[in-house]
Amino acid sequence: MLTLEQIQNYQSEIQKIELSENNFKRVRKIAKAINYGLTFTELIKYILEHEKAILNNDFRKALFIETLFEDINYHRELQYLRKCDYENVANVYLNC
């Protein structure tokens, strides 16, 4: 579980990062492959990867996952993902 300090650091640093065009192409390719939507297991996998990326200060990977969520129109889940509120990401997904 992330500490408040880690979340604040992540939210501060993510503003300074941009993905490369190659990363955007990867996002689009993955999004096409999962255009049907994510299973709950896949959602949990991405939540865990997002948290792990922040723990490892790999903010570019966290941004990549957020961009993927945006690209597959998981906007409600994305707003909680950006706040690192993983429980509500899952709750929003399950209540759709």
PDB file of N, CA and C in Angstrom:
ATOM      1  N   MET A   1       0.832  -1.169   0.000  1.00  0.00           N
ATOM      2  CA  MET A   1       0.000   0.000   0.000  1.00  0.00           C
ATOM      3  C   MET A   1       0.884   1.242   0.000  1.00  0.00           C
ATOM      4  N   LEU A   2       0.486   2.212  -0.771  1.00  0.00           N
ATOM      5  CA  LEU A   2       1.271   3.435  -0.903  1.00  0.00           C
ATOM      6  C   LEU A   2       1.050   4.359   0.280  1.00  0.00           C
ATOM      7  N   THR A   3       2.096   5.066   0.642  1.00  0.00           N
ATOM      8  CA  THR A   3       1.974   6.073   1.687  1.00  0.00           C
ATOM      9  C   THR A   3       1.482   7.369   1.066  1.00  0.00           C
ATOM     10  N   LEU A   4       1.004   8.263   1.892  1.00  0.00           N
ATOM     11  CA  LEU A   4       0.555   9.565   1.406  1.00  0.00           C
ATOM     12  C   LEU A   4       1.691  10.311   0.721  1.00  0.00           C
ATOM     13  N   GLU A   5       2.889  10.197   1.269  1.00  0.00           N
ATOM     14  CA  GLU A   5       4.055  10.857   0.676  1.00  0.00           C
ATOM     15  C   GLU A   5       4.350  10.313  -0.722  1.00  0.00           C
ATOM     16  N   GLN A   6       4.253   9.004  -0.899  1.00  0.00           N
ATOM     17  CA  GLN A   6       4.490   8.400  -2.213  1.00  0.00           C
ATOM     18  C   GLN A   6       3.441   8.856  -3.221  1.00  0.00           C
ATOM     19  N   ILE A   7       2.197   8.932  -2.803  1.00  0.00           N
ATOM     20  CA  ILE A   7       1.125   9.388  -3.689  1.00  0.00           C
ATOM     21  C   ILE A   7       1.338  10.835  -4.085  1.00  0.00           C
ATOM     22  N   GLN A   8       1.690  11.673  -3.129  1.00  0.00           N
ATOM     23  CA  GLN A   8       1.925  13.089  -3.432  1.00  0.00           C
ATOM     24  C   GLN A   8       3.124  13.266  -4.357  1.00  0.00           C
ATOM     25  N   ASN A   9       4.192  12.508  -4.122  1.00  0.00           N
ATOM     26  CA  ASN A   9       5.361  12.571  -4.987  1.00  0.00           C
ATOM     27  C   ASN A   9       4.998  12.148  -6.407  1.00  0.00           C
ATOM     28  N   TYR A  10       4.255  11.066  -6.518  1.00  0.00           N
ATOM     29  CA  TYR A  10       3.808  10.580  -7.824  1.00  0.00           C
ATOM     30  C   TYR A  10       2.966  11.628  -8.538  1.00  0.00           C
ATOM     31  N   GLN A  11       1.985  12.202  -7.843  1.00  0.00           N
ATOM     32  CA  GLN A  11       1.107  13.185  -8.465  1.00  0.00           C
ATOM     33  C   GLN A  11       1.869  14.437  -8.891  1.00  0.00           C
ATOM     34  N   SER A  12       2.905  14.758  -8.162  1.00  0.00           N
ATOM     35  CA  SER A  12       3.744  15.900  -8.525  1.00  0.00           C
ATOM     36  C   SER A  12       4.603  15.585  -9.746  1.00  0.00           C
ATOM     37  N   GLU A  13       5.233  14.429  -9.749  1.00  0.00           N
ATOM     38  CA  GLU A  13       6.151  14.050 -10.823  1.00  0.00           C
ATOM     39  C   GLU A  13       5.434  13.733 -12.133  1.00  0.00           C
ATOM     40  N   ILE A  14       4.253  13.176 -12.054  1.00  0.00           N
ATOM     41  CA  ILE A  14       3.531  12.753 -13.267  1.00  0.00           C
ATOM     42  C   ILE A  14       3.209  13.947 -14.166  1.00  0.00           C
ATOM     43  N   GLN A  15       3.105  15.125 -13.562  1.00  0.00           N
ATOM     44  CA  GLN A  15       2.813  16.334 -14.330  1.00  0.00           C
ATOM     45  C   GLN A  15       3.971  16.700 -15.265  1.00  0.00           C
ATOM     46  N   LYS A  16       5.170  16.249 -14.943  1.00  0.00           N
ATOM     47  CA  LYS A  16       6.368  16.620 -15.690  1.00  0.00           C
ATOM     48  C   LYS A  16       6.731  15.626 -16.794  1.00  0.00           C
ATOM     49  N   ILE A  17       6.005  14.520 -16.865  1.00  0.00           N
ATOM     50  CA  ILE A  17       6.371  13.432 -17.777  1.00  0.00           C
ATOM     51  C   ILE A  17       5.451  13.408 -18.987  1.00  0.00           C
ATOM     52  N   GLU A  18       6.042  13.106 -20.116  1.00  0.00           N
ATOM     53  CA  GLU A  18       5.272  12.888 -21.340  1.00  0.00           C
ATOM     54  C   GLU A  18       5.694  11.554 -21.929  1.00  0.00           C
ATOM     55  N   LEU A  19       4.733  10.875 -22.518  1.00  0.00           N
ATOM     56  CA  LEU A  19       5.054   9.617 -23.187  1.00  0.00           C
ATOM     57  C   LEU A  19       5.572   9.892 -24.587  1.00  0.00           C
ATOM     58  N   SER A  20       6.448   9.035 -25.053  1.00  0.00           N
ATOM     59  CA  SER A  20       6.967   9.159 -26.412  1.00  0.00           C
ATOM     60  C   SER A  20       5.917   8.678 -27.409  1.00  0.00           C
ATOM     61  N   GLU A  21       6.142   8.981 -28.657  1.00  0.00           N
ATOM     62  CA  GLU A  21       5.225   8.520 -29.709  1.00  0.00           C
ATOM     63  C   GLU A  21       5.179   6.996 -29.764  1.00  0.00           C
ATOM     64  N   ASN A  22       6.316   6.347 -29.520  1.00  0.00           N
ATOM     65  CA  ASN A  22       6.345   4.884 -29.495  1.00  0.00           C
ATOM     66  C   ASN A  22       5.464   4.331 -28.382  1.00  0.00           C
ATOM     67  N   ASN A  23       5.485   4.998 -27.232  1.00  0.00           N
ATOM     68  CA  ASN A  23       4.629   4.552 -26.131  1.00  0.00           C
ATOM     69  C   ASN A  23       3.164   4.734 -26.482  1.00  0.00           C
ATOM     70  N   PHE A  24       2.825   5.841 -27.141  1.00  0.00           N
ATOM     71  CA  PHE A  24       1.442   6.046 -27.556  1.00  0.00           C
ATOM     72  C   PHE A  24       1.007   4.974 -28.556  1.00  0.00           C
ATOM     73  N   LYS A  25       1.905   4.580 -29.447  1.00  0.00           N
ATOM     74  CA  LYS A  25       1.593   3.510 -30.395  1.00  0.00           C
ATOM     75  C   LYS A  25       1.351   2.195 -29.666  1.00  0.00           C
ATOM     76  N   ARG A  26       2.157   1.918 -28.643  1.00  0.00           N
ATOM     77  CA  ARG A  26       1.964   0.701 -27.842  1.00  0.00           C
ATOM     78  C   ARG A  26       0.615   0.732 -27.138  1.00  0.00           C
ATOM     79  N   VAL A  27       0.262   1.903 -26.590  1.00  0.00           N
ATOM     80  CA  VAL A  27      -1.033   2.042 -25.910  1.00  0.00           C
ATOM     81  C   VAL A  27      -2.157   1.734 -26.886  1.00  0.00           C
ATOM     82  N   ARG A  28      -2.105   2.326 -28.075  1.00  0.00           N
ATOM     83  CA  ARG A  28      -3.157   2.109 -29.067  1.00  0.00           C
ATOM     84  C   ARG A  28      -3.245   0.645 -29.479  1.00  0.00           C
ATOM     85  N   LYS A  29      -2.092  -0.003 -29.621  1.00  0.00           N
ATOM     86  CA  LYS A  29      -2.072  -1.413 -30.006  1.00  0.00           C
ATOM     87  C   LYS A  29      -2.708  -2.283 -28.912  1.00  0.00           C
ATOM     88  N   ILE A  30      -2.349  -2.031 -27.679  1.00  0.00           N
ATOM     89  CA  ILE A  30      -2.929  -2.790 -26.564  1.00  0.00           C
ATOM     90  C   ILE A  30      -4.417  -2.489 -26.441  1.00  0.00           C
ATOM     91  N   ALA A  31      -4.789  -1.218 -26.596  1.00  0.00           N
ATOM     92  CA  ALA A  31      -6.196  -0.830 -26.489  1.00  0.00           C
ATOM     93  C   ALA A  31      -7.040  -1.524 -27.556  1.00  0.00           C
ATOM     94  N   LYS A  32      -6.498  -1.642 -28.768  1.00  0.00           N
ATOM     95  CA  LYS A  32      -7.225  -2.353 -29.825  1.00  0.00           C
ATOM     96  C   LYS A  32      -7.436  -3.812 -29.446  1.00  0.00           C
ATOM     97  N   ALA A  33      -6.433  -4.395 -28.840  1.00  0.00           N
ATOM     98  CA  ALA A  33      -6.518  -5.804 -28.463  1.00  0.00           C
ATOM     99  C   ALA A  33      -7.546  -6.036 -27.351  1.00  0.00           C
ATOM    100  N   ILE A  34      -7.750  -5.037 -26.521  1.00  0.00           N
ATOM    101  CA  ILE A  34      -8.707  -5.194 -25.409  1.00  0.00           C
ATOM    102  C   ILE A  34      -9.908  -4.272 -25.568  1.00  0.00           C
ATOM    103  N   ASN A  35     -10.280  -3.970 -26.796  1.00  0.00           N
ATOM    104  CA  ASN A  35     -11.376  -3.023 -27.022  1.00  0.00           C
ATOM    105  C   ASN A  35     -12.707  -3.536 -26.485  1.00  0.00           C
ATOM    106  N   TYR A  36     -12.785  -4.808 -26.176  1.00  0.00           N
ATOM    107  CA  TYR A  36     -13.991  -5.388 -25.586  1.00  0.00           C
ATOM    108  C   TYR A  36     -14.106  -5.003 -24.118  1.00  0.00           C
ATOM    109  N   GLY A  37     -13.032  -4.528 -23.529  1.00  0.00           N
ATOM    110  CA  GLY A  37     -13.007  -4.191 -22.109  1.00  0.00           C
ATOM    111  C   GLY A  37     -12.114  -5.143 -21.344  1.00  0.00           C
ATOM    112  N   LEU A  38     -11.869  -4.813 -20.126  1.00  0.00           N
ATOM    113  CA  LEU A  38     -11.014  -5.618 -19.272  1.00  0.00           C
ATOM    114  C   LEU A  38     -11.852  -6.569 -18.422  1.00  0.00           C
ATOM    115  N   THR A  39     -11.308  -7.746 -18.186  1.00  0.00           N
ATOM    116  CA  THR A  39     -11.922  -8.614 -17.186  1.00  0.00           C
ATOM    117  C   THR A  39     -11.506  -8.069 -15.822  1.00  0.00           C
ATOM    118  N   PHE A  40     -12.170  -8.511 -14.776  1.00  0.00           N
ATOM    119  CA  PHE A  40     -11.813  -8.037 -13.439  1.00  0.00           C
ATOM    120  C   PHE A  40     -10.377  -8.435 -13.101  1.00  0.00           C
ATOM    121  N   THR A  41      -9.965  -9.608 -13.517  1.00  0.00           N
ATOM    122  CA  THR A  41      -8.593 -10.062 -13.263  1.00  0.00           C
ATOM    123  C   THR A  41      -7.584  -9.152 -13.955  1.00  0.00           C
ATOM    124  N   GLU A  42      -7.875  -8.766 -15.197  1.00  0.00           N
ATOM    125  CA  GLU A  42      -6.981  -7.854 -15.925  1.00  0.00           C
ATOM    126  C   GLU A  42      -6.944  -6.490 -15.253  1.00  0.00           C
ATOM    127  N   LEU A  43      -8.096  -6.028 -14.791  1.00  0.00           N
ATOM    128  CA  LEU A  43      -8.153  -4.745 -14.092  1.00  0.00           C
ATOM    129  C   LEU A  43      -7.256  -4.777 -12.856  1.00  0.00           C
ATOM    130  N   ILE A  44      -7.368  -5.837 -12.082  1.00  0.00           N
ATOM    131  CA  ILE A  44      -6.545  -5.974 -10.873  1.00  0.00           C
ATOM    132  C   ILE A  44      -5.066  -6.013 -11.240  1.00  0.00           C
ATOM    133  N   LYS A  45      -4.736  -6.701 -12.321  1.00  0.00           N
ATOM    134  CA  LYS A  45      -3.341  -6.767 -12.789  1.00  0.00           C
ATOM    135  C   LYS A  45      -2.807  -5.367 -13.070  1.00  0.00           C
ATOM    136  N   TYR A  46      -3.592  -4.542 -13.771  1.00  0.00           N
ATOM    137  CA  TYR A  46      -3.144  -3.185 -14.082  1.00  0.00           C
ATOM    138  C   TYR A  46      -3.076  -2.315 -12.827  1.00  0.00           C
ATOM    139  N   ILE A  47      -3.993  -2.521 -11.891  1.00  0.00           N
ATOM    140  CA  ILE A  47      -3.937  -1.782 -10.624  1.00  0.00           C
ATOM    141  C   ILE A  47      -2.639  -2.114  -9.895  1.00  0.00           C
ATOM    142  N   LEU A  48      -2.316  -3.399  -9.817  1.00  0.00           N
ATOM    143  CA  LEU A  48      -1.092  -3.817  -9.134  1.00  0.00           C
ATOM    144  C   LEU A  48       0.157  -3.309  -9.843  1.00  0.00           C
ATOM    145  N   GLU A  49       0.143  -3.327 -11.169  1.00  0.00           N
ATOM    146  CA  GLU A  49       1.285  -2.804 -11.927  1.00  0.00           C
ATOM    147  C   GLU A  49       1.443  -1.307 -11.704  1.00  0.00           C
ATOM    148  N   HIS A  50       0.320  -0.593 -11.628  1.00  0.00           N
ATOM    149  CA  HIS A  50       0.351   0.848 -11.385  1.00  0.00           C
ATOM    150  C   HIS A  50       0.966   1.130 -10.019  1.00  0.00           C
ATOM    151  N   GLU A  51       0.505   0.412  -9.009  1.00  0.00           N
ATOM    152  CA  GLU A  51       1.031   0.604  -7.656  1.00  0.00           C
ATOM    153  C   GLU A  51       2.521   0.247  -7.599  1.00  0.00           C
ATOM    154  N   LYS A  52       2.895  -0.862  -8.221  1.00  0.00           N
ATOM    155  CA  LYS A  52       4.300  -1.285  -8.240  1.00  0.00           C
ATOM    156  C   LYS A  52       5.173  -0.234  -8.940  1.00  0.00           C
ATOM    157  N   ALA A  53       4.670   0.322 -10.034  1.00  0.00           N
ATOM    158  CA  ALA A  53       5.427   1.348 -10.759  1.00  0.00           C
ATOM    159  C   ALA A  53       5.684   2.557  -9.859  1.00  0.00           C
ATOM    160  N   ILE A  54       4.686   2.951  -9.095  1.00  0.00           N
ATOM    161  CA  ILE A  54       4.864   4.104  -8.207  1.00  0.00           C
ATOM    162  C   ILE A  54       5.839   3.758  -7.085  1.00  0.00           C
ATOM    163  N   LEU A  55       5.720   2.570  -6.524  1.00  0.00           N
ATOM    164  CA  LEU A  55       6.652   2.149  -5.473  1.00  0.00           C
ATOM    165  C   LEU A  55       8.091   2.157  -5.958  1.00  0.00           C
ATOM    166  N   ASN A  56       8.281   1.841  -7.244  1.00  0.00           N
ATOM    167  CA  ASN A  56       9.622   1.803  -7.841  1.00  0.00           C
ATOM    168  C   ASN A  56      10.013   3.124  -8.501  1.00  0.00           C
ATOM    169  N   ASN A  57       9.203   4.152  -8.287  1.00  0.00           N
ATOM    170  CA  ASN A  57       9.433   5.471  -8.899  1.00  0.00           C
ATOM    171  C   ASN A  57       9.509   5.405 -10.419  1.00  0.00           C
ATOM    172  N   ASP A  58       8.794   4.466 -11.006  1.00  0.00           N
ATOM    173  CA  ASP A  58       8.720   4.334 -12.460  1.00  0.00           C
ATOM    174  C   ASP A  58       7.441   5.037 -12.924  1.00  0.00           C
ATOM    175  N   PHE A  59       7.461   6.356 -12.853  1.00  0.00           N
ATOM    176  CA  PHE A  59       6.265   7.149 -13.123  1.00  0.00           C
ATOM    177  C   PHE A  59       5.845   7.082 -14.589  1.00  0.00           C
ATOM    178  N   ARG A  60       6.792   6.842 -15.464  1.00  0.00           N
ATOM    179  CA  ARG A  60       6.464   6.709 -16.882  1.00  0.00           C
ATOM    180  C   ARG A  60       5.576   5.478 -17.110  1.00  0.00           C
ATOM    181  N   LYS A  61       5.850   4.390 -16.408  1.00  0.00           N
ATOM    182  CA  LYS A  61       5.025   3.192 -16.538  1.00  0.00           C
ATOM    183  C   LYS A  61       3.635   3.446 -15.962  1.00  0.00           C
ATOM    184  N   ALA A  62       3.566   4.160 -14.847  1.00  0.00           N
ATOM    185  CA  ALA A  62       2.265   4.502 -14.264  1.00  0.00           C
ATOM    186  C   ALA A  62       1.462   5.351 -15.240  1.00  0.00           C
ATOM    187  N   LEU A  63       2.126   6.309 -15.875  1.00  0.00           N
ATOM    188  CA  LEU A  63       1.462   7.152 -16.865  1.00  0.00           C
ATOM    189  C   LEU A  63       1.005   6.321 -18.063  1.00  0.00           C
ATOM    190  N   PHE A  64       1.801   5.353 -18.459  1.00  0.00           N
ATOM    191  CA  PHE A  64       1.435   4.456 -19.559  1.00  0.00           C
ATOM    192  C   PHE A  64       0.127   3.736 -19.231  1.00  0.00           C
ATOM    193  N   ILE A  65       0.008   3.210 -18.030  1.00  0.00           N
ATOM    194  CA  ILE A  65      -1.207   2.501 -17.623  1.00  0.00           C
ATOM    195  C   ILE A  65      -2.392   3.456 -17.589  1.00  0.00           C
ATOM    196  N   GLU A  66      -2.186   4.663 -17.104  1.00  0.00           N
ATOM    197  CA  GLU A  66      -3.269   5.652 -17.087  1.00  0.00           C
ATOM    198  C   GLU A  66      -3.713   5.996 -18.506  1.00  0.00           C
ATOM    199  N   THR A  67      -2.763   6.136 -19.399  1.00  0.00           N
ATOM    200  CA  THR A  67      -3.083   6.445 -20.789  1.00  0.00           C
ATOM    201  C   THR A  67      -3.863   5.307 -21.420  1.00  0.00           C
ATOM    202  N   LEU A  68      -3.511   4.086 -21.077  1.00  0.00           N
ATOM    203  CA  LEU A  68      -4.245   2.923 -21.568  1.00  0.00           C
ATOM    204  C   LEU A  68      -5.693   2.970 -21.079  1.00  0.00           C
ATOM    205  N   PHE A  69      -5.905   3.257 -19.814  1.00  0.00           N
ATOM    206  CA  PHE A  69      -7.263   3.357 -19.277  1.00  0.00           C
ATOM    207  C   PHE A  69      -8.056   4.439 -20.012  1.00  0.00           C
ATOM    208  N   GLU A  70      -7.392   5.536 -20.293  1.00  0.00           N
ATOM    209  CA  GLU A  70      -8.064   6.613 -21.018  1.00  0.00           C
ATOM    210  C   GLU A  70      -8.414   6.174 -22.436  1.00  0.00           C
ATOM    211  N   ASP A  71      -7.522   5.476 -23.067  1.00  0.00           N
ATOM    212  CA  ASP A  71      -7.718   5.051 -24.454  1.00  0.00           C
ATOM    213  C   ASP A  71      -8.835   4.017 -24.599  1.00  0.00           C
ATOM    214  N   ILE A  72      -9.074   3.220 -23.580  1.00  0.00           N
ATOM    215  CA  ILE A  72     -10.148   2.226 -23.653  1.00  0.00           C
ATOM    216  C   ILE A  72     -11.421   2.724 -22.971  1.00  0.00           C
ATOM    217  N   ASN A  73     -11.473   4.021 -22.718  1.00  0.00           N
ATOM    218  CA  ASN A  73     -12.664   4.690 -22.177  1.00  0.00           C
ATOM    219  C   ASN A  73     -13.061   4.209 -20.783  1.00  0.00           C
ATOM    220  N   TYR A  74     -12.084   3.993 -19.954  1.00  0.00           N
ATOM    221  CA  TYR A  74     -12.333   3.683 -18.548  1.00  0.00           C
ATOM    222  C   TYR A  74     -12.132   4.972 -17.733  1.00  0.00           C
ATOM    223  N   HIS A  75     -12.865   6.009 -18.106  1.00  0.00           N
ATOM    224  CA  HIS A  75     -12.655   7.335 -17.520  1.00  0.00           C
ATOM    225  C   HIS A  75     -13.028   7.399 -16.041  1.00  0.00           C
ATOM    226  N   ARG A  76     -14.114   6.737 -15.651  1.00  0.00           N
ATOM    227  CA  ARG A  76     -14.496   6.765 -14.230  1.00  0.00           C
ATOM    228  C   ARG A  76     -13.461   6.046 -13.381  1.00  0.00           C
ATOM    229  N   GLU A  77     -12.972   4.915 -13.860  1.00  0.00           N
ATOM    230  CA  GLU A  77     -11.931   4.192 -13.141  1.00  0.00           C
ATOM    231  C   GLU A  77     -10.637   5.002 -13.107  1.00  0.00           C
ATOM    232  N   LEU A  78     -10.357   5.696 -14.205  1.00  0.00           N
ATOM    233  CA  LEU A  78      -9.129   6.474 -14.323  1.00  0.00           C
ATOM    234  C   LEU A  78      -9.049   7.575 -13.282  1.00  0.00           C
ATOM    235  N   GLN A  79     -10.162   8.231 -12.997  1.00  0.00           N
ATOM    236  CA  GLN A  79     -10.106   9.318 -12.019  1.00  0.00           C
ATOM    237  C   GLN A  79      -9.651   8.805 -10.652  1.00  0.00           C
ATOM    238  N   TYR A  80     -10.027   7.582 -10.281  1.00  0.00           N
ATOM    239  CA  TYR A  80      -9.571   7.008  -9.015  1.00  0.00           C
ATOM    240  C   TYR A  80      -8.162   6.451  -9.128  1.00  0.00           C
ATOM    241  N   LEU A  81      -7.808   5.927 -10.300  1.00  0.00           N
ATOM    242  CA  LEU A  81      -6.455   5.419 -10.513  1.00  0.00           C
ATOM    243  C   LEU A  81      -5.441   6.537 -10.323  1.00  0.00           C
ATOM    244  N   ARG A  82      -5.746   7.706 -10.843  1.00  0.00           N
ATOM    245  CA  ARG A  82      -4.835   8.854 -10.705  1.00  0.00           C
ATOM    246  C   ARG A  82      -4.680   9.304  -9.255  1.00  0.00           C
ATOM    247  N   LYS A  83      -5.661   9.002  -8.428  1.00  0.00           N
ATOM    248  CA  LYS A  83      -5.591   9.331  -6.995  1.00  0.00           C
ATOM    249  C   LYS A  83      -5.007   8.173  -6.188  1.00  0.00           C
ATOM    250  N   CYS A  84      -4.664   7.087  -6.886  1.00  0.00           N
ATOM    251  CA  CYS A  84      -4.156   5.863  -6.257  1.00  0.00           C
ATOM    252  C   CYS A  84      -5.176   5.278  -5.283  1.00  0.00           C
ATOM    253  N   ASP A  85      -6.433   5.466  -5.593  1.00  0.00           N
ATOM    254  CA  ASP A  85      -7.530   4.927  -4.795  1.00  0.00           C
ATOM    255  C   ASP A  85      -8.002   3.642  -5.478  1.00  0.00           C
ATOM    256  N   TYR A  86      -7.217   2.594  -5.294  1.00  0.00           N
ATOM    257  CA  TYR A  86      -7.420   1.362  -6.034  1.00  0.00           C
ATOM    258  C   TYR A  86      -8.715   0.645  -5.659  1.00  0.00           C
ATOM    259  N   GLU A  87      -9.119   0.774  -4.420  1.00  0.00           N
ATOM    260  CA  GLU A  87     -10.380   0.143  -4.005  1.00  0.00           C
ATOM    261  C   GLU A  87     -11.552   0.721  -4.795  1.00  0.00           C
ATOM    262  N   ASN A  88     -11.567   2.038  -4.987  1.00  0.00           N
ATOM    263  CA  ASN A  88     -12.656   2.643  -5.748  1.00  0.00           C
ATOM    264  C   ASN A  88     -12.552   2.363  -7.245  1.00  0.00           C
ATOM    265  N   VAL A  89     -11.353   2.134  -7.755  1.00  0.00           N
ATOM    266  CA  VAL A  89     -11.223   1.708  -9.153  1.00  0.00           C
ATOM    267  C   VAL A  89     -12.008   0.418  -9.337  1.00  0.00           C
ATOM    268  N   ALA A  90     -11.778  -0.524  -8.441  1.00  0.00           N
ATOM    269  CA  ALA A  90     -12.470  -1.817  -8.522  1.00  0.00           C
ATOM    270  C   ALA A  90     -13.966  -1.654  -8.289  1.00  0.00           C
ATOM    271  N   ASN A  91     -14.351  -0.822  -7.329  1.00  0.00           N
ATOM    272  CA  ASN A  91     -15.774  -0.616  -7.049  1.00  0.00           C
ATOM    273  C   ASN A  91     -16.521  -0.025  -8.249  1.00  0.00           C
ATOM    274  N   VAL A  92     -15.926   0.960  -8.894  1.00  0.00           N
ATOM    275  CA  VAL A  92     -16.553   1.577 -10.070  1.00  0.00           C
ATOM    276  C   VAL A  92     -16.689   0.536 -11.163  1.00  0.00           C
ATOM    277  N   TYR A  93     -15.665  -0.252 -11.379  1.00  0.00           N
ATOM    278  CA  TYR A  93     -15.707  -1.302 -12.395  1.00  0.00           C
ATOM    279  C   TYR A  93     -16.843  -2.295 -12.111  1.00  0.00           C
ATOM    280  N   LEU A  94     -16.938  -2.722 -10.881  1.00  0.00           N
ATOM    281  CA  LEU A  94     -17.942  -3.730 -10.525  1.00  0.00           C
ATOM    282  C   LEU A  94     -19.361  -3.194 -10.555  1.00  0.00           C
ATOM    283  N   ASN A  95     -19.528  -1.904 -10.369  1.00  0.00           N
ATOM    284  CA  ASN A  95     -20.873  -1.312 -10.340  1.00  0.00           C
ATOM    285  C   ASN A  95     -21.359  -0.835 -11.699  1.00  0.00           C
ATOM    286  N   CYS A  96     -20.592  -1.100 -12.751  1.00  0.00           N
ATOM    287  CA  CYS A  96     -21.022  -0.683 -14.090  1.00  0.00           C
ATOM    288  C   CYS A  96     -22.031  -1.634 -14.664  1.00  0.00           C
TER     289      CYS A  96
END
